[in-house]
PDB file of N, CA and C in Angstrom:
ATOM      1  N   MET A   1      23.137 -24.833 -33.416  1.00  0.00           N
ATOM      2  CA  MET A   1      23.974 -24.819 -32.238  1.00  0.00           C
ATOM      3  C   MET A   1      23.125 -25.182 -31.026  1.00  0.00           C
ATOM      4  N   LEU A   2      23.696 -25.949 -30.144  1.00  0.00           N
ATOM      5  CA  LEU A   2      23.022 -26.458 -28.953  1.00  0.00           C
ATOM      6  C   LEU A   2      23.827 -26.054 -27.715  1.00  0.00           C
ATOM      7  N   ALA A   3      23.146 -25.780 -26.635  1.00  0.00           N
ATOM      8  CA  ALA A   3      23.847 -25.434 -25.388  1.00  0.00           C
ATOM      9  C   ALA A   3      23.090 -26.015 -24.204  1.00  0.00           C
ATOM     10  N   VAL A   4      23.839 -26.319 -23.143  1.00  0.00           N
ATOM     11  CA  VAL A   4      23.257 -26.678 -21.862  1.00  0.00           C
ATOM     12  C   VAL A   4      23.589 -25.571 -20.920  1.00  0.00           C
ATOM     13  N   VAL A   5      22.519 -24.929 -20.384  1.00  0.00           N
ATOM     14  CA  VAL A   5      22.698 -23.749 -19.541  1.00  0.00           C
ATOM     15  C   VAL A   5      22.092 -24.009 -18.171  1.00  0.00           C
ATOM     16  N   LYS A   6      22.691 -23.424 -17.131  1.00  0.00           N
ATOM     17  CA  LYS A   6      22.221 -23.592 -15.770  1.00  0.00           C
ATOM     18  C   LYS A   6      21.433 -22.322 -15.393  1.00  0.00           C
ATOM     19  N   ILE A   7      20.130 -22.527 -15.107  1.00  0.00           N
ATOM     20  CA  ILE A   7      19.247 -21.421 -14.757  1.00  0.00           C
ATOM     21  C   ILE A   7      18.595 -21.750 -13.407  1.00  0.00           C
ATOM     22  N   ALA A   8      18.872 -20.944 -12.404  1.00  0.00           N
ATOM     23  CA  ALA A   8      18.286 -21.089 -11.068  1.00  0.00           C
ATOM     24  C   ALA A   8      18.498 -22.496 -10.516  1.00  0.00           C
ATOM     25  N   GLY A   9      19.694 -23.050 -10.704  1.00  0.00           N
ATOM     26  CA  GLY A   9      20.034 -24.352 -10.141  1.00  0.00           C
ATOM     27  C   GLY A   9      19.597 -25.536 -10.955  1.00  0.00           C
ATOM     28  N   GLN A  10      18.936 -25.317 -12.097  1.00  0.00           N
ATOM     29  CA  GLN A  10      18.507 -26.418 -12.957  1.00  0.00           C
ATOM     30  C   GLN A  10      19.176 -26.309 -14.315  1.00  0.00           C
ATOM     31  N   GLN A  11      19.407 -27.437 -14.958  1.00  0.00           N
ATOM     32  CA  GLN A  11      20.046 -27.465 -16.269  1.00  0.00           C
ATOM     33  C   GLN A  11      19.002 -27.612 -17.358  1.00  0.00           C
ATOM     34  N   PHE A  12      19.155 -26.809 -18.425  1.00  0.00           N
ATOM     35  CA  PHE A  12      18.227 -26.851 -19.541  1.00  0.00           C
ATOM     36  C   PHE A  12      19.022 -26.965 -20.829  1.00  0.00           C
ATOM     37  N   LYS A  13      18.572 -27.842 -21.743  1.00  0.00           N
ATOM     38  CA  LYS A  13      19.156 -27.977 -23.064  1.00  0.00           C
ATOM     39  C   LYS A  13      18.387 -27.047 -24.002  1.00  0.00           C
ATOM     40  N   VAL A  14      19.088 -26.082 -24.615  1.00  0.00           N
ATOM     41  CA  VAL A  14      18.407 -25.069 -25.434  1.00  0.00           C
ATOM     42  C   VAL A  14      19.029 -24.917 -26.813  1.00  0.00           C
ATOM     43  N   LYS A  15      18.222 -24.491 -27.747  1.00  0.00           N
ATOM     44  CA  LYS A  15      18.629 -24.090 -29.086  1.00  0.00           C
ATOM     45  C   LYS A  15      18.031 -22.724 -29.347  1.00  0.00           C
ATOM     46  N   ALA A  16      18.535 -22.009 -30.335  1.00  0.00           N
ATOM     47  CA  ALA A  16      17.970 -20.727 -30.692  1.00  0.00           C
ATOM     48  C   ALA A  16      16.543 -20.945 -31.175  1.00  0.00           C
ATOM     49  N   GLY A  17      15.619 -20.134 -30.646  1.00  0.00           N
ATOM     50  CA  GLY A  17      14.213 -20.234 -31.025  1.00  0.00           C
ATOM     51  C   GLY A  17      13.372 -21.086 -30.070  1.00  0.00           C
ATOM     52  N   ASP A  18      13.993 -21.782 -29.117  1.00  0.00           N
ATOM     53  CA  ASP A  18      13.242 -22.568 -28.150  1.00  0.00           C
ATOM     54  C   ASP A  18      12.529 -21.667 -27.163  1.00  0.00           C
ATOM     55  N   SER A  19      11.355 -22.109 -26.720  1.00  0.00           N
ATOM     56  CA  SER A  19      10.691 -21.430 -25.639  1.00  0.00           C
ATOM     57  C   SER A  19      10.496 -22.437 -24.494  1.00  0.00           C
ATOM     58  N   LEU A  20      10.741 -21.996 -23.274  1.00  0.00           N
ATOM     59  CA  LEU A  20      10.658 -22.909 -22.138  1.00  0.00           C
ATOM     60  C   LEU A  20      10.237 -22.193 -20.892  1.00  0.00           C
ATOM     61  N   TYR A  21       9.796 -22.971 -19.933  1.00  0.00           N
ATOM     62  CA  TYR A  21       9.382 -22.460 -18.628  1.00  0.00           C
ATOM     63  C   TYR A  21      10.500 -22.726 -17.632  1.00  0.00           C
ATOM     64  N   VAL A  22      10.970 -21.673 -16.989  1.00  0.00           N
ATOM     65  CA  VAL A  22      12.066 -21.774 -16.022  1.00  0.00           C
ATOM     66  C   VAL A  22      11.585 -21.235 -14.676  1.00  0.00           C
ATOM     67  N   PRO A  23      12.253 -21.571 -13.582  1.00  0.00           N
ATOM     68  CA  PRO A  23      11.872 -21.001 -12.292  1.00  0.00           C
ATOM     69  C   PRO A  23      11.897 -19.481 -12.358  1.00  0.00           C
ATOM     70  N   HIS A  24      11.069 -18.839 -11.575  1.00  0.00           N
ATOM     71  CA  HIS A  24      10.802 -17.414 -11.685  1.00  0.00           C
ATOM     72  C   HIS A  24      12.081 -16.563 -11.735  1.00  0.00           C
ATOM     73  N   ILE A  25      12.134 -15.689 -12.726  1.00  0.00           N
ATOM     74  CA  ILE A  25      13.241 -14.736 -12.926  1.00  0.00           C
ATOM     75  C   ILE A  25      12.657 -13.336 -12.846  1.00  0.00           C
ATOM     76  N   GLU A  26      13.362 -12.450 -12.142  1.00  0.00           N
ATOM     77  CA  GLU A  26      12.898 -11.067 -12.028  1.00  0.00           C
ATOM     78  C   GLU A  26      12.966 -10.399 -13.407  1.00  0.00           C
ATOM     79  N   GLY A  27      11.926  -9.706 -13.760  1.00  0.00           N
ATOM     80  CA  GLY A  27      11.861  -8.967 -15.021  1.00  0.00           C
ATOM     81  C   GLY A  27      10.439  -8.905 -15.506  1.00  0.00           C
ATOM     82  N   LYS A  28      10.232  -8.048 -16.496  1.00  0.00           N
ATOM     83  CA  LYS A  28       8.900  -7.871 -17.083  1.00  0.00           C
ATOM     84  C   LYS A  28       8.860  -8.484 -18.476  1.00  0.00           C
ATOM     85  N   ALA A  29       7.656  -8.689 -18.983  1.00  0.00           N
ATOM     86  CA  ALA A  29       7.475  -9.232 -20.318  1.00  0.00           C
ATOM     87  C   ALA A  29       8.113  -8.296 -21.334  1.00  0.00           C
ATOM     88  N   GLY A  30       8.922  -8.865 -22.231  1.00  0.00           N
ATOM     89  CA  GLY A  30       9.604  -8.062 -23.250  1.00  0.00           C
ATOM     90  C   GLY A  30      11.051  -7.753 -22.898  1.00  0.00           C
ATOM     91  N   ASP A  31      11.458  -7.952 -21.656  1.00  0.00           N
ATOM     92  CA  ASP A  31      12.833  -7.699 -21.259  1.00  0.00           C
ATOM     93  C   ASP A  31      13.787  -8.747 -21.835  1.00  0.00           C
ATOM     94  N   SER A  32      15.019  -8.352 -22.095  1.00  0.00           N
ATOM     95  CA  SER A  32      16.063  -9.265 -22.571  1.00  0.00           C
ATOM     96  C   SER A  32      16.933  -9.667 -21.385  1.00  0.00           C
ATOM     97  N   ILE A  33      17.308 -10.948 -21.347  1.00  0.00           N
ATOM     98  CA  ILE A  33      18.173 -11.438 -20.284  1.00  0.00           C
ATOM     99  C   ILE A  33      19.264 -12.286 -20.903  1.00  0.00           C
ATOM    100  N   GLU A  34      20.379 -12.432 -20.164  1.00  0.00           N
ATOM    101  CA  GLU A  34      21.509 -13.223 -20.613  1.00  0.00           C
ATOM    102  C   GLU A  34      21.856 -14.225 -19.513  1.00  0.00           C
ATOM    103  N   PHE A  35      22.227 -15.426 -19.953  1.00  0.00           N
ATOM    104  CA  PHE A  35      22.696 -16.471 -19.035  1.00  0.00           C
ATOM    105  C   PHE A  35      24.110 -16.801 -19.412  1.00  0.00           C
ATOM    106  N   SER A  36      25.039 -16.527 -18.495  1.00  0.00           N
ATOM    107  CA  SER A  36      26.455 -16.750 -18.794  1.00  0.00           C
ATOM    108  C   SER A  36      26.950 -18.086 -18.201  1.00  0.00           C
ATOM    109  N   ASP A  37      26.151 -18.756 -17.426  1.00  0.00           N
ATOM    110  CA  ASP A  37      26.543 -20.035 -16.811  1.00  0.00           C
ATOM    111  C   ASP A  37      26.216 -21.170 -17.784  1.00  0.00           C
ATOM    112  N   VAL A  38      27.005 -21.279 -18.868  1.00  0.00           N
ATOM    113  CA  VAL A  38      26.827 -22.299 -19.895  1.00  0.00           C
ATOM    114  C   VAL A  38      27.749 -23.457 -19.603  1.00  0.00           C
ATOM    115  N   LEU A  39      27.207 -24.654 -19.556  1.00  0.00           N
ATOM    116  CA  LEU A  39      27.980 -25.845 -19.183  1.00  0.00           C
ATOM    117  C   LEU A  39      28.522 -26.599 -20.388  1.00  0.00           C
ATOM    118  N   LEU A  40      27.833 -26.529 -21.525  1.00  0.00           N
ATOM    119  CA  LEU A  40      28.219 -27.270 -22.702  1.00  0.00           C
ATOM    120  C   LEU A  40      27.709 -26.565 -23.947  1.00  0.00           C
ATOM    121  N   THR A  41      28.512 -26.586 -25.016  1.00  0.00           N
ATOM    122  CA  THR A  41      28.060 -26.088 -26.318  1.00  0.00           C
ATOM    123  C   THR A  41      28.394 -27.147 -27.355  1.00  0.00           C
ATOM    124  N   GLN A  42      27.529 -27.262 -28.356  1.00  0.00           N
ATOM    125  CA  GLN A  42      27.737 -28.198 -29.452  1.00  0.00           C
ATOM    126  C   GLN A  42      27.407 -27.488 -30.750  1.00  0.00           C
ATOM    127  N   ASN A  43      28.373 -27.499 -31.669  1.00  0.00           N
ATOM    128  CA  ASN A  43      28.173 -26.940 -32.997  1.00  0.00           C
ATOM    129  C   ASN A  43      28.595 -27.996 -33.986  1.00  0.00           C
ATOM    130  N   GLY A  44      27.600 -28.737 -34.497  1.00  0.00           N
ATOM    131  CA  GLY A  44      27.911 -29.873 -35.376  1.00  0.00           C
ATOM    132  C   GLY A  44      28.528 -30.991 -34.563  1.00  0.00           C
ATOM    133  N   SER A  45      29.764 -31.369 -34.933  1.00  0.00           N
ATOM    134  CA  SER A  45      30.459 -32.414 -34.178  1.00  0.00           C
ATOM    135  C   SER A  45      31.442 -31.838 -33.155  1.00  0.00           C
ATOM    136  N   ASN A  46      31.543 -30.519 -33.106  1.00  0.00           N
ATOM    137  CA  ASN A  46      32.457 -29.836 -32.173  1.00  0.00           C
ATOM    138  C   ASN A  46      31.736 -29.618 -30.839  1.00  0.00           C
ATOM    139  N   VAL A  47      32.197 -30.292 -29.783  1.00  0.00           N
ATOM    140  CA  VAL A  47      31.608 -30.186 -28.450  1.00  0.00           C
ATOM    141  C   VAL A  47      32.618 -29.569 -27.504  1.00  0.00           C
ATOM    142  N   ILE A  48      32.177 -28.532 -26.771  1.00  0.00           N
ATOM    143  CA  ILE A  48      33.060 -27.867 -25.780  1.00  0.00           C
ATOM    144  C   ILE A  48      32.372 -27.954 -24.428  1.00  0.00           C
ATOM    145  N   THR A  49      33.092 -28.397 -23.409  1.00  0.00           N
ATOM    146  CA  THR A  49      32.536 -28.514 -22.078  1.00  0.00           C
ATOM    147  C   THR A  49      33.509 -27.918 -21.041  1.00  0.00           C
ATOM    148  N   GLY A  50      33.059 -27.840 -19.827  1.00  0.00           N
ATOM    149  CA  GLY A  50      33.897 -27.416 -18.711  1.00  0.00           C
ATOM    150  C   GLY A  50      34.192 -25.930 -18.715  1.00  0.00           C
ATOM    151  N   THR A  51      35.392 -25.558 -18.277  1.00  0.00           N
ATOM    152  CA  THR A  51      35.780 -24.179 -18.141  1.00  0.00           C
ATOM    153  C   THR A  51      36.141 -23.522 -19.478  1.00  0.00           C
ATOM    154  N   ASN A  52      36.228 -24.304 -20.543  1.00  0.00           N
ATOM    155  CA  ASN A  52      36.536 -23.750 -21.857  1.00  0.00           C
ATOM    156  C   ASN A  52      35.370 -23.084 -22.539  1.00  0.00           C
ATOM    157  N   VAL A  53      34.179 -23.236 -22.008  1.00  0.00           N
ATOM    158  CA  VAL A  53      32.985 -22.658 -22.627  1.00  0.00           C
ATOM    159  C   VAL A  53      32.922 -21.163 -22.324  1.00  0.00           C
ATOM    160  N   THR A  54      32.842 -20.359 -23.381  1.00  0.00           N
ATOM    161  CA  THR A  54      32.768 -18.903 -23.230  1.00  0.00           C
ATOM    162  C   THR A  54      31.477 -18.354 -23.848  1.00  0.00           C
ATOM    163  N   ALA A  55      30.499 -19.193 -24.042  1.00  0.00           N
ATOM    164  CA  ALA A  55      29.249 -18.796 -24.709  1.00  0.00           C
ATOM    165  C   ALA A  55      28.325 -18.086 -23.753  1.00  0.00           C
ATOM    166  N   VAL A  56      27.410 -17.318 -24.340  1.00  0.00           N
ATOM    167  CA  VAL A  56      26.373 -16.610 -23.587  1.00  0.00           C
ATOM    168  C   VAL A  56      25.039 -16.901 -24.275  1.00  0.00           C
ATOM    169  N   VAL A  57      24.041 -17.261 -23.509  1.00  0.00           N
ATOM    170  CA  VAL A  57      22.691 -17.516 -24.055  1.00  0.00           C
ATOM    171  C   VAL A  57      21.851 -16.277 -23.807  1.00  0.00           C
ATOM    172  N   LYS A  58      21.284 -15.740 -24.892  1.00  0.00           N
ATOM    173  CA  LYS A  58      20.441 -14.550 -24.808  1.00  0.00           C
ATOM    174  C   LYS A  58      18.993 -14.986 -24.975  1.00  0.00           C
ATOM    175  N   ALA A  59      18.130 -14.426 -24.131  1.00  0.00           N
ATOM    176  CA  ALA A  59      16.708 -14.806 -24.142  1.00  0.00           C
ATOM    177  C   ALA A  59      15.842 -13.585 -23.914  1.00  0.00           C
ATOM    178  N   GLU A  60      14.553 -13.772 -24.218  1.00  0.00           N
ATOM    179  CA  GLU A  60      13.562 -12.699 -24.032  1.00  0.00           C
ATOM    180  C   GLU A  60      12.435 -13.271 -23.156  1.00  0.00           C
ATOM    181  N   ILE A  61      11.957 -12.484 -22.207  1.00  0.00           N
ATOM    182  CA  ILE A  61      10.872 -12.907 -21.341  1.00  0.00           C
ATOM    183  C   ILE A  61       9.566 -12.725 -22.080  1.00  0.00           C
ATOM    184  N   LEU A  62       8.801 -13.801 -22.221  1.00  0.00           N
ATOM    185  CA  LEU A  62       7.501 -13.740 -22.886  1.00  0.00           C
ATOM    186  C   LEU A  62       6.391 -13.444 -21.870  1.00  0.00           C
ATOM    187  N   THR A  63       6.363 -14.189 -20.773  1.00  0.00           N
ATOM    188  CA  THR A  63       5.404 -13.985 -19.707  1.00  0.00           C
ATOM    189  C   THR A  63       6.159 -13.998 -18.397  1.00  0.00           C
ATOM    190  N   ASP A  64       5.954 -12.952 -17.586  1.00  0.00           N
ATOM    191  CA  ASP A  64       6.796 -12.791 -16.399  1.00  0.00           C
ATOM    192  C   ASP A  64       6.421 -13.691 -15.221  1.00  0.00           C
ATOM    193  N   LEU A  65       5.131 -14.071 -15.074  1.00  0.00           N
ATOM    194  CA  LEU A  65       4.786 -14.898 -13.919  1.00  0.00           C
ATOM    195  C   LEU A  65       3.678 -15.872 -14.285  1.00  0.00           C
ATOM    196  N   ILE A  66       3.949 -17.157 -14.116  1.00  0.00           N
ATOM    197  CA  ILE A  66       2.998 -18.198 -14.354  1.00  0.00           C
ATOM    198  C   ILE A  66       3.037 -19.124 -13.161  1.00  0.00           C
ATOM    199  N   LYS A  67       1.898 -19.508 -12.650  1.00  0.00           N
ATOM    200  CA  LYS A  67       1.867 -20.441 -11.524  1.00  0.00           C
ATOM    201  C   LYS A  67       1.646 -21.862 -12.025  1.00  0.00           C
ATOM    202  N   GLY A  68       2.411 -22.783 -11.474  1.00  0.00           N
ATOM    203  CA  GLY A  68       2.288 -24.187 -11.829  1.00  0.00           C
ATOM    204  C   GLY A  68       1.105 -24.848 -11.123  1.00  0.00           C
ATOM    205  N   ASN A  69       1.002 -26.122 -11.285  1.00  0.00           N
ATOM    206  CA  ASN A  69      -0.072 -26.875 -10.629  1.00  0.00           C
ATOM    207  C   ASN A  69       0.118 -26.877  -9.102  1.00  0.00           C
ATOM    208  N   LYS A  70      -1.009 -26.970  -8.396  1.00  0.00           N
ATOM    209  CA  LYS A  70      -0.941 -26.983  -6.946  1.00  0.00           C
ATOM    210  C   LYS A  70      -0.407 -28.310  -6.451  1.00  0.00           C
ATOM    211  N   VAL A  71       0.552 -28.260  -5.533  1.00  0.00           N
ATOM    212  CA  VAL A  71       1.144 -29.448  -4.913  1.00  0.00           C
ATOM    213  C   VAL A  71       0.704 -29.441  -3.451  1.00  0.00           C
ATOM    214  N   ILE A  72       0.086 -30.533  -3.024  1.00  0.00           N
ATOM    215  CA  ILE A  72      -0.414 -30.616  -1.659  1.00  0.00           C
ATOM    216  C   ILE A  72       0.432 -31.610  -0.871  1.00  0.00           C
ATOM    217  N   ALA A  73       0.891 -31.169   0.298  1.00  0.00           N
ATOM    218  CA  ALA A  73       1.644 -32.022   1.216  1.00  0.00           C
ATOM    219  C   ALA A  73       0.739 -32.263   2.416  1.00  0.00           C
ATOM    220  N   PHE A  74       0.346 -33.494   2.638  1.00  0.00           N
ATOM    221  CA  PHE A  74      -0.566 -33.838   3.733  1.00  0.00           C
ATOM    222  C   PHE A  74       0.186 -34.739   4.706  1.00  0.00           C
ATOM    223  N   LYS A  75       0.260 -34.304   5.969  1.00  0.00           N
ATOM    224  CA  LYS A  75       0.934 -35.065   7.002  1.00  0.00           C
ATOM    225  C   LYS A  75      -0.086 -35.539   8.012  1.00  0.00           C
ATOM    226  N   MET A  76       0.086 -36.788   8.473  1.00  0.00           N
ATOM    227  CA  MET A  76      -0.869 -37.352   9.394  1.00  0.00           C
ATOM    228  C   MET A  76      -0.172 -38.403  10.256  1.00  0.00           C
ATOM    229  N   LYS A  77      -0.513 -38.423  11.537  1.00  0.00           N
ATOM    230  CA  LYS A  77      -0.048 -39.475  12.422  1.00  0.00           C
ATOM    231  C   LYS A  77      -1.268 -40.258  12.903  1.00  0.00           C
ATOM    232  N   ARG A  78      -1.277 -41.500  12.647  1.00  0.00           N
ATOM    233  CA  ARG A  78      -2.460 -42.271  12.955  1.00  0.00           C
ATOM    234  C   ARG A  78      -2.672 -42.406  14.472  1.00  0.00           C
ATOM    235  N   ARG A  79      -3.914 -42.445  14.836  1.00  0.00           N
ATOM    236  CA  ARG A  79      -4.354 -42.590  16.239  1.00  0.00           C
ATOM    237  C   ARG A  79      -3.920 -41.438  17.146  1.00  0.00           C
ATOM    238  N   LYS A  80      -3.420 -40.356  16.611  1.00  0.00           N
ATOM    239  CA  LYS A  80      -2.983 -39.236  17.448  1.00  0.00           C
ATOM    240  C   LYS A  80      -3.816 -37.978  17.226  1.00  0.00           C
ATOM    241  N   GLY A  81      -4.610 -37.964  16.164  1.00  0.00           N
ATOM    242  CA  GLY A  81      -5.411 -36.791  15.877  1.00  0.00           C
ATOM    243  C   GLY A  81      -4.618 -35.671  15.203  1.00  0.00           C
ATOM    244  N   PHE A  82      -3.436 -35.982  14.728  1.00  0.00           N
ATOM    245  CA  PHE A  82      -2.560 -34.982  14.084  1.00  0.00           C
ATOM    246  C   PHE A  82      -2.775 -35.026  12.561  1.00  0.00           C
ATOM    247  N   ARG A  83      -3.202 -33.918  12.015  1.00  0.00           N
ATOM    248  CA  ARG A  83      -3.344 -33.771  10.569  1.00  0.00           C
ATOM    249  C   ARG A  83      -2.913 -32.369  10.179  1.00  0.00           C
ATOM    250  N   LYS A  84      -2.078 -32.298   9.150  1.00  0.00           N
ATOM    251  CA  LYS A  84      -1.610 -30.989   8.671  1.00  0.00           C
ATOM    252  C   LYS A  84      -1.666 -31.007   7.150  1.00  0.00           C
ATOM    253  N   LYS A  85      -2.316 -30.025   6.563  1.00  0.00           N
ATOM    254  CA  LYS A  85      -2.410 -29.906   5.118  1.00  0.00           C
ATOM    255  C   LYS A  85      -1.724 -28.623   4.686  1.00  0.00           C
ATOM    256  N   HIS A  86      -0.789 -28.758   3.750  1.00  0.00           N
ATOM    257  CA  HIS A  86      -0.014 -27.605   3.295  1.00  0.00           C
ATOM    258  C   HIS A  86       0.080 -27.733   1.767  1.00  0.00           C
ATOM    259  N   GLY A  87      -0.132 -26.614   1.068  1.00  0.00           N
ATOM    260  CA  GLY A  87      -0.047 -26.625  -0.384  1.00  0.00           C
ATOM    261  C   GLY A  87       0.706 -25.427  -0.904  1.00  0.00           C
ATOM    262  N   HIS A  88       1.235 -25.542  -2.100  1.00  0.00           N
ATOM    263  CA  HIS A  88       1.913 -24.405  -2.743  1.00  0.00           C
ATOM    264  C   HIS A  88       1.831 -24.542  -4.249  1.00  0.00           C
ATOM    265  N   ARG A  89       2.039 -23.433  -4.956  1.00  0.00           N
ATOM    266  CA  ARG A  89       2.093 -23.409  -6.401  1.00  0.00           C
ATOM    267  C   ARG A  89       3.409 -22.768  -6.812  1.00  0.00           C
ATOM    268  N   THR A  90       4.235 -23.491  -7.517  1.00  0.00           N
ATOM    269  CA  THR A  90       5.545 -22.992  -7.929  1.00  0.00           C
ATOM    270  C   THR A  90       5.376 -21.943  -9.030  1.00  0.00           C
ATOM    271  N   GLN A  91       6.196 -20.894  -8.963  1.00  0.00           N
ATOM    272  CA  GLN A  91       6.106 -19.798  -9.955  1.00  0.00           C
ATOM    273  C   GLN A  91       7.156 -20.007 -11.017  1.00  0.00           C
ATOM    274  N   TYR A  92       6.731 -19.788 -12.275  1.00  0.00           N
ATOM    275  CA  TYR A  92       7.604 -19.960 -13.436  1.00  0.00           C
ATOM    276  C   TYR A  92       7.599 -18.698 -14.298  1.00  0.00           C
ATOM    277  N   THR A  93       8.626 -18.584 -15.141  1.00  0.00           N
ATOM    278  CA  THR A  93       8.716 -17.541 -16.142  1.00  0.00           C
ATOM    279  C   THR A  93       8.846 -18.204 -17.495  1.00  0.00           C
ATOM    280  N   HIS A  94       8.102 -17.691 -18.496  1.00  0.00           N
ATOM    281  CA  HIS A  94       8.137 -18.253 -19.836  1.00  0.00           C
ATOM    282  C   HIS A  94       9.125 -17.415 -20.649  1.00  0.00           C
ATOM    283  N   ILE A  95      10.205 -18.035 -21.146  1.00  0.00           N
ATOM    284  CA  ILE A  95      11.205 -17.319 -21.909  1.00  0.00           C
ATOM    285  C   ILE A  95      11.373 -17.949 -23.298  1.00  0.00           C
ATOM    286  N   LYS A  96      11.939 -17.144 -24.194  1.00  0.00           N
ATOM    287  CA  LYS A  96      12.257 -17.630 -25.544  1.00  0.00           C
ATOM    288  C   LYS A  96      13.715 -17.309 -25.798  1.00  0.00           C
ATOM    289  N   VAL A  97      14.481 -18.357 -26.184  1.00  0.00           N
ATOM    290  CA  VAL A  97      15.914 -18.200 -26.448  1.00  0.00           C
ATOM    291  C   VAL A  97      16.067 -17.563 -27.828  1.00  0.00           C
ATOM    292  N   THR A  98      16.746 -16.429 -27.866  1.00  0.00           N
ATOM    293  CA  THR A  98      16.929 -15.713 -29.124  1.00  0.00           C
ATOM    294  C   THR A  98      18.230 -16.056 -29.810  1.00  0.00           C
ATOM    295  N   ALA A  99      19.310 -16.232 -29.041  1.00  0.00           N
ATOM    296  CA  ALA A  99      20.605 -16.487 -29.650  1.00  0.00           C
ATOM    297  C   ALA A  99      21.529 -17.155 -28.656  1.00  0.00           C
ATOM    298  N   ILE A 100      22.502 -17.911 -29.209  1.00  0.00           N
ATOM    299  CA  ILE A 100      23.619 -18.453 -28.432  1.00  0.00           C
ATOM    300  C   ILE A 100      24.878 -17.899 -29.063  1.00  0.00           C
ATOM    301  N   ALA A 101      25.549 -17.063 -28.291  1.00  0.00           N
ATOM    302  CA  ALA A 101      26.730 -16.373 -28.833  1.00  0.00           C
ATOM    303  C   ALA A 101      27.982 -16.835 -28.109  1.00  0.00           C
TER     304      ALA A 101
END
């Protein structure tokens, strides 16, 4: 069974047993979470989309906080002496999909 689920404004294609990195979700390692915002389900050749989807994706948090690569934003205006350097590291959560019900 396959599902497309919306997590923190992003869409992910998941199957039972998949592990993926999603934007940071509150919780500790070992906690169970459910995602009810399922956009599409596919079971063999049977595809259900839109408001008819009543599935729930259940997952387990493997690692609660992981930082991504550093992204640097550098702004500069030539001949003006203006330089600004700003960087950030996006936070992720590592989850494992246990079931699609």
